[in-house]
PDB file of N, CA and C in Angstrom:
ATOM      1  N   UNK A   1      28.501  39.196   0.711  1.00  0.00           N
ATOM      2  CA  UNK A   1      28.045  38.093  -0.106  1.00  0.00           C
ATOM      3  C   UNK A   1      29.213  37.153  -0.379  1.00  0.00           C
ATOM      4  N   UNK A   2      28.917  35.891  -0.515  1.00  0.00           N
ATOM      5  CA  UNK A   2      29.932  34.883  -0.795  1.00  0.00           C
ATOM      6  C   UNK A   2      30.438  35.016  -2.220  1.00  0.00           C
ATOM      7  N   UNK A   3      31.704  34.668  -2.398  1.00  0.00           N
ATOM      8  CA  UNK A   3      32.271  34.635  -3.739  1.00  0.00           C
ATOM      9  C   UNK A   3      31.750  33.389  -4.448  1.00  0.00           C
ATOM     10  N   UNK A   4      31.252  33.561  -5.651  1.00  0.00           N
ATOM     11  CA  UNK A   4      30.723  32.448  -6.435  1.00  0.00           C
ATOM     12  C   UNK A   4      31.883  31.704  -7.097  1.00  0.00           C
ATOM     13  N   UNK A   5      31.873  30.362  -6.961  1.00  0.00           N
ATOM     14  CA  UNK A   5      32.872  29.527  -7.624  1.00  0.00           C
ATOM     15  C   UNK A   5      32.154  28.588  -8.586  1.00  0.00           C
ATOM     16  N   UNK A   6      32.908  28.040  -9.493  1.00  0.00           N
ATOM     17  CA  UNK A   6      32.305  27.103 -10.444  1.00  0.00           C
ATOM     18  C   UNK A   6      32.222  25.719  -9.801  1.00  0.00           C
ATOM     19  N   UNK A   7      31.376  24.862 -10.398  1.00  0.00           N
ATOM     20  CA  UNK A   7      31.287  23.478  -9.944  1.00  0.00           C
ATOM     21  C   UNK A   7      32.644  22.802 -10.106  1.00  0.00           C
ATOM     22  N   UNK A   8      33.350  23.117 -11.186  1.00  0.00           N
ATOM     23  CA  UNK A   8      34.679  22.544 -11.422  1.00  0.00           C
ATOM     24  C   UNK A   8      35.636  22.904 -10.282  1.00  0.00           C
ATOM     25  N   UNK A   9      35.557  24.151  -9.787  1.00  0.00           N
ATOM     26  CA  UNK A   9      36.400  24.554  -8.647  1.00  0.00           C
ATOM     27  C   UNK A   9      36.061  23.725  -7.420  1.00  0.00           C
ATOM     28  N   UNK A  10      34.781  23.560  -7.138  1.00  0.00           N
ATOM     29  CA  UNK A  10      34.354  22.801  -5.966  1.00  0.00           C
ATOM     30  C   UNK A  10      34.810  21.347  -6.045  1.00  0.00           C
ATOM     31  N   UNK A  11      34.723  20.755  -7.226  1.00  0.00           N
ATOM     32  CA  UNK A  11      35.119  19.358  -7.395  1.00  0.00           C
ATOM     33  C   UNK A  11      36.604  19.122  -7.123  1.00  0.00           C
ATOM     34  N   UNK A  12      37.407  20.167  -7.157  1.00  0.00           N
ATOM     35  CA  UNK A  12      38.842  20.032  -6.888  1.00  0.00           C
ATOM     36  C   UNK A  12      39.125  19.832  -5.396  1.00  0.00           C
ATOM     37  N   UNK A  13      38.208  20.250  -4.538  1.00  0.00           N
ATOM     38  CA  UNK A  13      38.403  20.134  -3.087  1.00  0.00           C
ATOM     39  C   UNK A  13      37.985  18.735  -2.649  1.00  0.00           C
ATOM     40  N   UNK A  14      38.915  18.001  -2.047  1.00  0.00           N
ATOM     41  CA  UNK A  14      38.609  16.653  -1.553  1.00  0.00           C
ATOM     42  C   UNK A  14      38.290  16.708  -0.066  1.00  0.00           C
ATOM     43  N   UNK A  15      37.005  16.725   0.231  1.00  0.00           N
ATOM     44  CA  UNK A  15      36.541  16.628   1.615  1.00  0.00           C
ATOM     45  C   UNK A  15      36.281  15.159   1.882  1.00  0.00           C
ATOM     46  N   UNK A  16      36.995  14.602   2.856  1.00  0.00           N
ATOM     47  CA  UNK A  16      36.873  13.176   3.162  1.00  0.00           C
ATOM     48  C   UNK A  16      36.688  12.971   4.657  1.00  0.00           C
ATOM     49  N   UNK A  17      36.165  11.783   4.985  1.00  0.00           N
ATOM     50  CA  UNK A  17      35.957  11.389   6.372  1.00  0.00           C
ATOM     51  C   UNK A  17      37.182  10.627   6.872  1.00  0.00           C
ATOM     52  N   UNK A  18      37.594  10.967   8.077  1.00  0.00           N
ATOM     53  CA  UNK A  18      38.664  10.235   8.748  1.00  0.00           C
ATOM     54  C   UNK A  18      38.273   9.991  10.191  1.00  0.00           C
ATOM     55  N   UNK A  19      38.935   9.030  10.811  1.00  0.00           N
ATOM     56  CA  UNK A  19      38.727   8.772  12.234  1.00  0.00           C
ATOM     57  C   UNK A  19      40.009   9.101  12.970  1.00  0.00           C
ATOM     58  N   UNK A  20      39.889   9.913  14.015  1.00  0.00           N
ATOM     59  CA  UNK A  20      41.064  10.283  14.806  1.00  0.00           C
ATOM     60  C   UNK A  20      41.596   9.044  15.516  1.00  0.00           C
ATOM     61  N   UNK A  21      42.892   8.753  15.296  1.00  0.00           N
ATOM     62  CA  UNK A  21      43.520   7.594  15.930  1.00  0.00           C
ATOM     63  C   UNK A  21      44.510   8.007  17.019  1.00  0.00           C
ATOM     64  N   UNK A  22      44.898   9.271  16.998  1.00  0.00           N
ATOM     65  CA  UNK A  22      45.837   9.775  18.008  1.00  0.00           C
ATOM     66  C   UNK A  22      45.694  11.286  18.085  1.00  0.00           C
ATOM     67  N   UNK A  23      45.783  11.829  19.288  1.00  0.00           N
ATOM     68  CA  UNK A  23      45.728  13.275  19.501  1.00  0.00           C
ATOM     69  C   UNK A  23      46.566  13.604  20.724  1.00  0.00           C
ATOM     70  N   UNK A  24      47.337  14.662  20.599  1.00  0.00           N
ATOM     71  CA  UNK A  24      48.175  15.077  21.732  1.00  0.00           C
ATOM     72  C   UNK A  24      48.375  16.581  21.711  1.00  0.00           C
ATOM     73  N   UNK A  25      48.740  17.126  22.844  1.00  0.00           N
ATOM     74  CA  UNK A  25      49.010  18.561  22.934  1.00  0.00           C
ATOM     75  C   UNK A  25      50.183  18.911  22.020  1.00  0.00           C
ATOM     76  N   UNK A  26      50.180  20.145  21.532  1.00  0.00           N
ATOM     77  CA  UNK A  26      51.198  20.640  20.607  1.00  0.00           C
ATOM     78  C   UNK A  26      51.835  21.878  21.246  1.00  0.00           C
ATOM     79  N   UNK A  27      52.715  21.680  22.245  1.00  0.00           N
ATOM     80  CA  UNK A  27      53.258  22.815  22.994  1.00  0.00           C
ATOM     81  C   UNK A  27      54.113  23.763  22.155  1.00  0.00           C
ATOM     82  N   UNK A  28      54.666  23.294  21.032  1.00  0.00           N
ATOM     83  CA  UNK A  28      55.516  24.145  20.190  1.00  0.00           C
ATOM     84  C   UNK A  28      54.703  25.112  19.319  1.00  0.00           C
ATOM     85  N   UNK A  29      53.398  24.923  19.224  1.00  0.00           N
ATOM     86  CA  UNK A  29      52.551  25.771  18.377  1.00  0.00           C
ATOM     87  C   UNK A  29      52.456  27.182  18.946  1.00  0.00           C
ATOM     88  N   UNK A  30      52.360  28.162  18.060  1.00  0.00           N
ATOM     89  CA  UNK A  30      52.222  29.561  18.485  1.00  0.00           C
ATOM     90  C   UNK A  30      50.915  29.785  19.237  1.00  0.00           C
ATOM     91  N   UNK A  31      49.847  29.186  18.719  1.00  0.00           N
ATOM     92  CA  UNK A  31      48.534  29.264  19.364  1.00  0.00           C
ATOM     93  C   UNK A  31      48.182  27.881  19.904  1.00  0.00           C
ATOM     94  N   UNK A  32      47.368  27.846  20.924  1.00  0.00           N
ATOM     95  CA  UNK A  32      46.979  26.582  21.548  1.00  0.00           C
ATOM     96  C   UNK A  32      46.419  25.624  20.501  1.00  0.00           C
ATOM     97  N   UNK A  33      47.025  24.436  20.397  1.00  0.00           N
ATOM     98  CA  UNK A  33      46.631  23.481  19.353  1.00  0.00           C
ATOM     99  C   UNK A  33      46.953  22.061  19.783  1.00  0.00           C
ATOM    100  N   UNK A  34      46.415  21.120  19.018  1.00  0.00           N
ATOM    101  CA  UNK A  34      46.718  19.704  19.180  1.00  0.00           C
ATOM    102  C   UNK A  34      47.343  19.178  17.899  1.00  0.00           C
ATOM    103  N   UNK A  35      48.138  18.129  18.030  1.00  0.00           N
ATOM    104  CA  UNK A  35      48.575  17.329  16.893  1.00  0.00           C
ATOM    105  C   UNK A  35      47.534  16.225  16.763  1.00  0.00           C
ATOM    106  N   UNK A  36      47.062  16.027  15.544  1.00  0.00           N
ATOM    107  CA  UNK A  36      46.003  15.055  15.276  1.00  0.00           C
ATOM    108  C   UNK A  36      46.467  14.092  14.192  1.00  0.00           C
ATOM    109  N   UNK A  37      46.255  12.791  14.408  1.00  0.00           N
ATOM    110  CA  UNK A  37      46.484  11.773  13.389  1.00  0.00           C
ATOM    111  C   UNK A  37      45.125  11.159  13.089  1.00  0.00           C
ATOM    112  N   UNK A  38      44.779  11.070  11.797  1.00  0.00           N
ATOM    113  CA  UNK A  38      43.475  10.527  11.408  1.00  0.00           C
ATOM    114  C   UNK A  38      43.657   9.473  10.325  1.00  0.00           C
ATOM    115  N   UNK A  39      42.830   8.433  10.416  1.00  0.00           N
ATOM    116  CA  UNK A  39      42.833   7.346   9.447  1.00  0.00           C
ATOM    117  C   UNK A  39      41.809   7.657   8.363  1.00  0.00           C
ATOM    118  N   UNK A  40      42.305   7.809   7.117  1.00  0.00           N
ATOM    119  CA  UNK A  40      41.448   8.110   5.977  1.00  0.00           C
ATOM    120  C   UNK A  40      41.250   6.894   5.077  1.00  0.00           C
ATOM    121  N   UNK A  41      41.370   5.713   5.643  1.00  0.00           N
ATOM    122  CA  UNK A  41      41.068   4.494   4.900  1.00  0.00           C
ATOM    123  C   UNK A  41      42.238   3.949   4.111  1.00  0.00           C
ATOM    124  N   UNK A  42      41.955   2.892   3.360  1.00  0.00           N
ATOM    125  CA  UNK A  42      42.999   2.153   2.641  1.00  0.00           C
ATOM    126  C   UNK A  42      43.752   2.986   1.610  1.00  0.00           C
ATOM    127  N   UNK A  43      43.084   3.880   0.923  1.00  0.00           N
ATOM    128  CA  UNK A  43      43.740   4.625  -0.157  1.00  0.00           C
ATOM    129  C   UNK A  43      44.677   5.709   0.390  1.00  0.00           C
ATOM    130  N   UNK A  44      44.243   6.466   1.390  1.00  0.00           N
ATOM    131  CA  UNK A  44      45.041   7.584   1.909  1.00  0.00           C
ATOM    132  C   UNK A  44      45.818   7.240   3.174  1.00  0.00           C
ATOM    133  N   UNK A  45      45.345   6.271   3.937  1.00  0.00           N
ATOM    134  CA  UNK A  45      46.032   5.882   5.167  1.00  0.00           C
ATOM    135  C   UNK A  45      45.916   6.926   6.265  1.00  0.00           C
ATOM    136  N   UNK A  46      46.899   6.915   7.160  1.00  0.00           N
ATOM    137  CA  UNK A  46      46.907   7.831   8.304  1.00  0.00           C
ATOM    138  C   UNK A  46      47.676   9.092   7.930  1.00  0.00           C
ATOM    139  N   UNK A  47      47.051  10.240   8.196  1.00  0.00           N
ATOM    140  CA  UNK A  47      47.657  11.540   7.936  1.00  0.00           C
ATOM    141  C   UNK A  47      47.655  12.328   9.235  1.00  0.00           C
ATOM    142  N   UNK A  48      48.570  13.305   9.323  1.00  0.00           N
ATOM    143  CA  UNK A  48      48.659  14.118  10.545  1.00  0.00           C
ATOM    144  C   UNK A  48      48.414  15.584  10.229  1.00  0.00           C
ATOM    145  N   UNK A  49      48.024  16.308  11.271  1.00  0.00           N
ATOM    146  CA  UNK A  49      47.771  17.736  11.130  1.00  0.00           C
ATOM    147  C   UNK A  49      47.851  18.402  12.495  1.00  0.00           C
ATOM    148  N   UNK A  50      47.698  19.688  12.481  1.00  0.00           N
ATOM    149  CA  UNK A  50      47.594  20.481  13.690  1.00  0.00           C
ATOM    150  C   UNK A  50      46.235  21.164  13.659  1.00  0.00           C
ATOM    151  N   UNK A  51      45.593  21.266  14.808  1.00  0.00           N
ATOM    152  CA  UNK A  51      44.270  21.890  14.852  1.00  0.00           C
ATOM    153  C   UNK A  51      44.109  22.714  16.125  1.00  0.00           C
ATOM    154  N   UNK A  52      43.600  23.923  15.966  1.00  0.00           N
ATOM    155  CA  UNK A  52      43.356  24.813  17.095  1.00  0.00           C
ATOM    156  C   UNK A  52      41.942  24.568  17.623  1.00  0.00           C
ATOM    157  N   UNK A  53      41.796  23.436  18.310  1.00  0.00           N
ATOM    158  CA  UNK A  53      40.476  22.996  18.794  1.00  0.00           C
ATOM    159  C   UNK A  53      40.503  22.714  20.300  1.00  0.00           C
ATOM    160  N   UNK A  54      41.373  23.416  21.016  1.00  0.00           N
ATOM    161  CA  UNK A  54      41.611  23.098  22.429  1.00  0.00           C
ATOM    162  C   UNK A  54      40.520  23.581  23.381  1.00  0.00           C
ATOM    163  N   UNK A  55      39.665  24.484  22.953  1.00  0.00           N
ATOM    164  CA  UNK A  55      38.638  25.016  23.860  1.00  0.00           C
ATOM    165  C   UNK A  55      37.540  23.984  24.120  1.00  0.00           C
ATOM    166  N   UNK A  56      37.056  23.340  23.071  1.00  0.00           N
ATOM    167  CA  UNK A  56      35.922  22.430  23.214  1.00  0.00           C
ATOM    168  C   UNK A  56      36.305  20.955  23.324  1.00  0.00           C
ATOM    169  N   UNK A  57      37.574  20.621  23.119  1.00  0.00           N
ATOM    170  CA  UNK A  57      37.973  19.208  23.047  1.00  0.00           C
ATOM    171  C   UNK A  57      39.237  18.937  23.846  1.00  0.00           C
ATOM    172  N   UNK A  58      39.332  17.717  24.372  1.00  0.00           N
ATOM    173  CA  UNK A  58      40.537  17.210  25.017  1.00  0.00           C
ATOM    174  C   UNK A  58      41.096  16.119  24.113  1.00  0.00           C
ATOM    175  N   UNK A  59      42.417  15.949  24.074  1.00  0.00           N
ATOM    176  CA  UNK A  59      42.986  14.934  23.183  1.00  0.00           C
ATOM    177  C   UNK A  59      42.365  13.551  23.349  1.00  0.00           C
ATOM    178  N   UNK A  60      42.165  13.133  24.581  1.00  0.00           N
ATOM    179  CA  UNK A  60      41.632  11.790  24.823  1.00  0.00           C
ATOM    180  C   UNK A  60      40.186  11.632  24.342  1.00  0.00           C
ATOM    181  N   UNK A  61      39.454  12.734  24.257  1.00  0.00           N
ATOM    182  CA  UNK A  61      38.069  12.678  23.782  1.00  0.00           C
ATOM    183  C   UNK A  61      37.981  12.630  22.257  1.00  0.00           C
ATOM    184  N   UNK A  62      39.041  12.992  21.562  1.00  0.00           N
ATOM    185  CA  UNK A  62      39.032  13.024  20.104  1.00  0.00           C
ATOM    186  C   UNK A  62      39.258  11.653  19.477  1.00  0.00           C
ATOM    187  N   UNK A  63      40.017  10.808  20.160  1.00  0.00           N
ATOM    188  CA  UNK A  63      40.349   9.492  19.602  1.00  0.00           C
ATOM    189  C   UNK A  63      39.065   8.681  19.391  1.00  0.00           C
ATOM    190  N   UNK A  64      38.920   8.158  18.171  1.00  0.00           N
ATOM    191  CA  UNK A  64      37.734   7.390  17.815  1.00  0.00           C
ATOM    192  C   UNK A  64      36.642   8.221  17.158  1.00  0.00           C
ATOM    193  N   UNK A  65      36.777   9.541  17.168  1.00  0.00           N
ATOM    194  CA  UNK A  65      35.762  10.415  16.566  1.00  0.00           C
ATOM    195  C   UNK A  65      36.018  10.578  15.074  1.00  0.00           C
ATOM    196  N   UNK A  66      34.945  10.587  14.292  1.00  0.00           N
ATOM    197  CA  UNK A  66      35.083  10.857  12.870  1.00  0.00           C
ATOM    198  C   UNK A  66      35.084  12.360  12.634  1.00  0.00           C
ATOM    199  N   UNK A  67      35.862  12.782  11.634  1.00  0.00           N
ATOM    200  CA  UNK A  67      36.011  14.186  11.282  1.00  0.00           C
ATOM    201  C   UNK A  67      35.847  14.345   9.784  1.00  0.00           C
ATOM    202  N   UNK A  68      35.600  15.581   9.369  1.00  0.00           N
ATOM    203  CA  UNK A  68      35.611  15.966   7.960  1.00  0.00           C
ATOM    204  C   UNK A  68      36.900  16.745   7.746  1.00  0.00           C
ATOM    205  N   UNK A  69      37.612  16.454   6.647  1.00  0.00           N
ATOM    206  CA  UNK A  69      38.883  17.125   6.401  1.00  0.00           C
ATOM    207  C   UNK A  69      39.121  17.335   4.909  1.00  0.00           C
ATOM    208  N   UNK A  70      39.831  18.409   4.599  1.00  0.00           N
ATOM    209  CA  UNK A  70      40.334  18.618   3.242  1.00  0.00           C
ATOM    210  C   UNK A  70      41.671  17.900   3.185  1.00  0.00           C
ATOM    211  N   UNK A  71      41.801  16.959   2.228  1.00  0.00           N
ATOM    212  CA  UNK A  71      43.007  16.124   2.177  1.00  0.00           C
ATOM    213  C   UNK A  71      43.896  16.403   0.973  1.00  0.00           C
ATOM    214  N   UNK A  72      43.530  17.372   0.138  1.00  0.00           N
ATOM    215  CA  UNK A  72      44.351  17.605  -1.050  1.00  0.00           C
ATOM    216  C   UNK A  72      44.970  18.999  -1.120  1.00  0.00           C
ATOM    217  N   UNK A  73      45.147  19.655   0.020  1.00  0.00           N
ATOM    218  CA  UNK A  73      45.970  20.863   0.058  1.00  0.00           C
ATOM    219  C   UNK A  73      47.434  20.437   0.062  1.00  0.00           C
ATOM    220  N   UNK A  74      48.341  21.318  -0.357  1.00  0.00           N
ATOM    221  CA  UNK A  74      49.763  20.974  -0.236  1.00  0.00           C
ATOM    222  C   UNK A  74      50.136  20.804   1.243  1.00  0.00           C
ATOM    223  N   UNK A  75      51.124  19.983   1.507  1.00  0.00           N
ATOM    224  CA  UNK A  75      51.622  19.808   2.875  1.00  0.00           C
ATOM    225  C   UNK A  75      52.138  21.164   3.362  1.00  0.00           C
ATOM    226  N   UNK A  76      51.826  21.492   4.623  1.00  0.00           N
ATOM    227  CA  UNK A  76      52.216  22.785   5.197  1.00  0.00           C
ATOM    228  C   UNK A  76      53.013  22.547   6.473  1.00  0.00           C
ATOM    229  N   UNK A  77      54.169  23.165   6.564  1.00  0.00           N
ATOM    230  CA  UNK A  77      55.005  23.051   7.763  1.00  0.00           C
ATOM    231  C   UNK A  77      54.408  23.928   8.863  1.00  0.00           C
ATOM    232  N   UNK A  78      54.092  23.314   9.994  1.00  0.00           N
ATOM    233  CA  UNK A  78      53.588  24.044  11.159  1.00  0.00           C
ATOM    234  C   UNK A  78      54.495  23.683  12.323  1.00  0.00           C
ATOM    235  N   UNK A  79      55.419  24.554  12.627  1.00  0.00           N
ATOM    236  CA  UNK A  79      56.407  24.239  13.656  1.00  0.00           C
ATOM    237  C   UNK A  79      57.166  22.994  13.246  1.00  0.00           C
ATOM    238  N   UNK A  80      57.279  22.024  14.141  1.00  0.00           N
ATOM    239  CA  UNK A  80      58.056  20.823  13.831  1.00  0.00           C
ATOM    240  C   UNK A  80      57.303  19.740  13.053  1.00  0.00           C
ATOM    241  N   UNK A  81      56.017  19.967  12.736  1.00  0.00           N
ATOM    242  CA  UNK A  81      55.288  18.916  12.010  1.00  0.00           C
ATOM    243  C   UNK A  81      54.848  19.408  10.628  1.00  0.00           C
ATOM    244  N   UNK A  82      54.620  18.447   9.747  1.00  0.00           N
ATOM    245  CA  UNK A  82      54.085  18.747   8.423  1.00  0.00           C
ATOM    246  C   UNK A  82      52.597  18.403   8.442  1.00  0.00           C
ATOM    247  N   UNK A  83      51.765  19.409   8.247  1.00  0.00           N
ATOM    248  CA  UNK A  83      50.325  19.216   8.250  1.00  0.00           C
ATOM    249  C   UNK A  83      49.899  18.665   6.899  1.00  0.00           C
ATOM    250  N   UNK A  84      49.186  17.521   6.933  1.00  0.00           N
ATOM    251  CA  UNK A  84      48.800  16.822   5.711  1.00  0.00           C
ATOM    252  C   UNK A  84      47.311  16.910   5.403  1.00  0.00           C
ATOM    253  N   UNK A  85      46.533  17.513   6.292  1.00  0.00           N
ATOM    254  CA  UNK A  85      45.103  17.730   6.029  1.00  0.00           C
ATOM    255  C   UNK A  85      44.626  18.925   6.839  1.00  0.00           C
ATOM    256  N   UNK A  86      43.490  19.459   6.437  1.00  0.00           N
ATOM    257  CA  UNK A  86      42.866  20.558   7.162  1.00  0.00           C
ATOM    258  C   UNK A  86      41.584  20.041   7.779  1.00  0.00           C
ATOM    259  N   UNK A  87      41.535  20.025   9.103  1.00  0.00           N
ATOM    260  CA  UNK A  87      40.335  19.603   9.808  1.00  0.00           C
ATOM    261  C   UNK A  87      39.266  20.675   9.615  1.00  0.00           C
ATOM    262  N   UNK A  88      38.079  20.281   9.185  1.00  0.00           N
ATOM    263  CA  UNK A  88      37.001  21.232   8.930  1.00  0.00           C
ATOM    264  C   UNK A  88      36.237  21.523  10.214  1.00  0.00           C
ATOM    265  N   UNK A  89      35.864  22.762  10.385  1.00  0.00           N
ATOM    266  CA  UNK A  89      35.108  23.166  11.558  1.00  0.00           C
ATOM    267  C   UNK A  89      34.488  24.538  11.351  1.00  0.00           C
ATOM    268  N   UNK A  90      33.723  24.942  12.338  1.00  0.00           N
ATOM    269  CA  UNK A  90      33.038  26.219  12.306  1.00  0.00           C
ATOM    270  C   UNK A  90      33.281  26.934  13.627  1.00  0.00           C
ATOM    271  N   UNK A  91      33.350  28.259  13.585  1.00  0.00           N
ATOM    272  CA  UNK A  91      33.555  29.031  14.813  1.00  0.00           C
ATOM    273  C   UNK A  91      32.232  29.244  15.535  1.00  0.00           C
ATOM    274  N   UNK A  92      32.279  29.071  16.849  1.00  0.00           N
ATOM    275  CA  UNK A  92      31.099  29.361  17.655  1.00  0.00           C
ATOM    276  C   UNK A  92      31.018  30.871  17.898  1.00  0.00           C
ATOM    277  N   UNK A  93      30.116  31.298  18.759  1.00  0.00           N
ATOM    278  CA  UNK A  93      29.917  32.727  19.016  1.00  0.00           C
ATOM    279  C   UNK A  93      31.141  33.406  19.619  1.00  0.00           C
ATOM    280  N   UNK A  94      32.070  32.631  20.185  1.00  0.00           N
ATOM    281  CA  UNK A  94      33.295  33.190  20.764  1.00  0.00           C
ATOM    282  C   UNK A  94      34.499  33.055  19.846  1.00  0.00           C
ATOM    283  N   UNK A  95      34.298  32.489  18.664  1.00  0.00           N
ATOM    284  CA  UNK A  95      35.402  32.307  17.730  1.00  0.00           C
ATOM    285  C   UNK A  95      36.177  31.023  17.937  1.00  0.00           C
ATOM    286  N   UNK A  96      35.675  30.128  18.792  1.00  0.00           N
ATOM    287  CA  UNK A  96      36.337  28.852  19.049  1.00  0.00           C
ATOM    288  C   UNK A  96      35.786  27.787  18.095  1.00  0.00           C
ATOM    289  N   UNK A  97      36.672  26.904  17.631  1.00  0.00           N
ATOM    290  CA  UNK A  97      36.310  25.945  16.589  1.00  0.00           C
ATOM    291  C   UNK A  97      35.511  24.767  17.125  1.00  0.00           C
ATOM    292  N   UNK A  98      34.427  24.462  16.399  1.00  0.00           N
ATOM    293  CA  UNK A  98      33.604  23.276  16.621  1.00  0.00           C
ATOM    294  C   UNK A  98      33.822  22.394  15.392  1.00  0.00           C
ATOM    295  N   UNK A  99      34.212  21.143  15.609  1.00  0.00           N
ATOM    296  CA  UNK A  99      34.558  20.225  14.523  1.00  0.00           C
ATOM    297  C   UNK A  99      33.331  19.860  13.685  1.00  0.00           C
ATOM    298  N   UNK A 100      33.516  19.859  12.354  1.00  0.00           N
ATOM    299  CA  UNK A 100      32.492  19.341  11.442  1.00  0.00           C
ATOM    300  C   UNK A 100      32.613  17.818  11.429  1.00  0.00           C
ATOM    301  N   UNK A 101      31.494  17.130  11.533  1.00  0.00           N
ATOM    302  CA  UNK A 101      31.527  15.669  11.560  1.00  0.00           C
ATOM    303  C   UNK A 101      30.274  15.118  10.899  1.00  0.00           C
ATOM    304  N   UNK A 102      30.339  13.868  10.442  1.00  0.00           N
ATOM    305  CA  UNK A 102      29.147  13.285   9.826  1.00  0.00           C
ATOM    306  C   UNK A 102      28.059  13.041  10.865  1.00  0.00           C
ATOM    307  N   UNK A 103      26.838  13.025  10.407  1.00  0.00           N
ATOM    308  CA  UNK A 103      25.683  12.836  11.275  1.00  0.00           C
ATOM    309  C   UNK A 103      25.610  11.409  11.813  1.00  0.00           C
ATOM    310  N   UNK A 104      26.179  10.456  11.080  1.00  0.00           N
ATOM    311  CA  UNK A 104      26.288   9.066  11.534  1.00  0.00           C
ATOM    312  C   UNK A 104      27.550   8.478  10.939  1.00  0.00           C
ATOM    313  N   UNK A 105      28.054   7.356  11.466  1.00  0.00           N
ATOM    314  CA  UNK A 105      29.309   6.786  10.979  1.00  0.00           C
ATOM    315  C   UNK A 105      29.258   6.416   9.494  1.00  0.00           C
ATOM    316  N   UNK A 106      30.357   6.721   8.808  1.00  0.00           N
ATOM    317  CA  UNK A 106      30.550   6.331   7.408  1.00  0.00           C
ATOM    318  C   UNK A 106      31.968   5.785   7.281  1.00  0.00           C
ATOM    319  N   UNK A 107      32.265   5.038   6.213  1.00  0.00           N
ATOM    320  CA  UNK A 107      33.612   4.461   6.072  1.00  0.00           C
ATOM    321  C   UNK A 107      34.693   5.531   5.963  1.00  0.00           C
ATOM    322  N   UNK A 108      35.835   5.272   6.591  1.00  0.00           N
ATOM    323  CA  UNK A 108      36.976   6.176   6.468  1.00  0.00           C
ATOM    324  C   UNK A 108      37.379   6.334   5.014  1.00  0.00           C
ATOM    325  N   UNK A 109      37.714   7.550   4.635  1.00  0.00           N
ATOM    326  CA  UNK A 109      38.164   7.825   3.282  1.00  0.00           C
ATOM    327  C   UNK A 109      37.061   8.231   2.328  1.00  0.00           C
ATOM    328  N   UNK A 110      35.804   8.070   2.735  1.00  0.00           N
ATOM    329  CA  UNK A 110      34.693   8.432   1.854  1.00  0.00           C
ATOM    330  C   UNK A 110      34.780   9.923   1.521  1.00  0.00           C
ATOM    331  N   UNK A 111      34.583  10.219   0.233  1.00  0.00           N
ATOM    332  CA  UNK A 111      34.633  11.593  -0.230  1.00  0.00           C
ATOM    333  C   UNK A 111      33.232  12.199  -0.232  1.00  0.00           C
ATOM    334  N   UNK A 112      33.157  13.473   0.175  1.00  0.00           N
ATOM    335  CA  UNK A 112      31.885  14.169   0.141  1.00  0.00           C
ATOM    336  C   UNK A 112      31.435  14.319  -1.306  1.00  0.00           C
ATOM    337  N   UNK A 113      30.180  14.070  -1.550  1.00  0.00           N
ATOM    338  CA  UNK A 113      29.636  14.184  -2.906  1.00  0.00           C
ATOM    339  C   UNK A 113      29.208  15.589  -3.201  1.00  0.00           C
TER     340      UNK A 113
END
């Protein structure tokens, strides 16, 4: 069973929409990953992260795609880069990540209600 959290706990998590503006292979990562830069709009700007999404996606296919991300975790050092957001996704039947994305385009930076 899932752990129950309060509404106040949930409100602390900032899930926002961003658009991938750059993606490249991350050869220094321990596990197969990409470096991702996403535009979260005027307030947050462009942030970078690392994502283990290499099975279903190619870097060139990610650019221009909207993503859902947690943007208020502390910055985390991952090899030579500082990860500034957590790309949201779900594991498929093989444990490979499928990106969470909006059903239709919305403005960058919009927070999930």
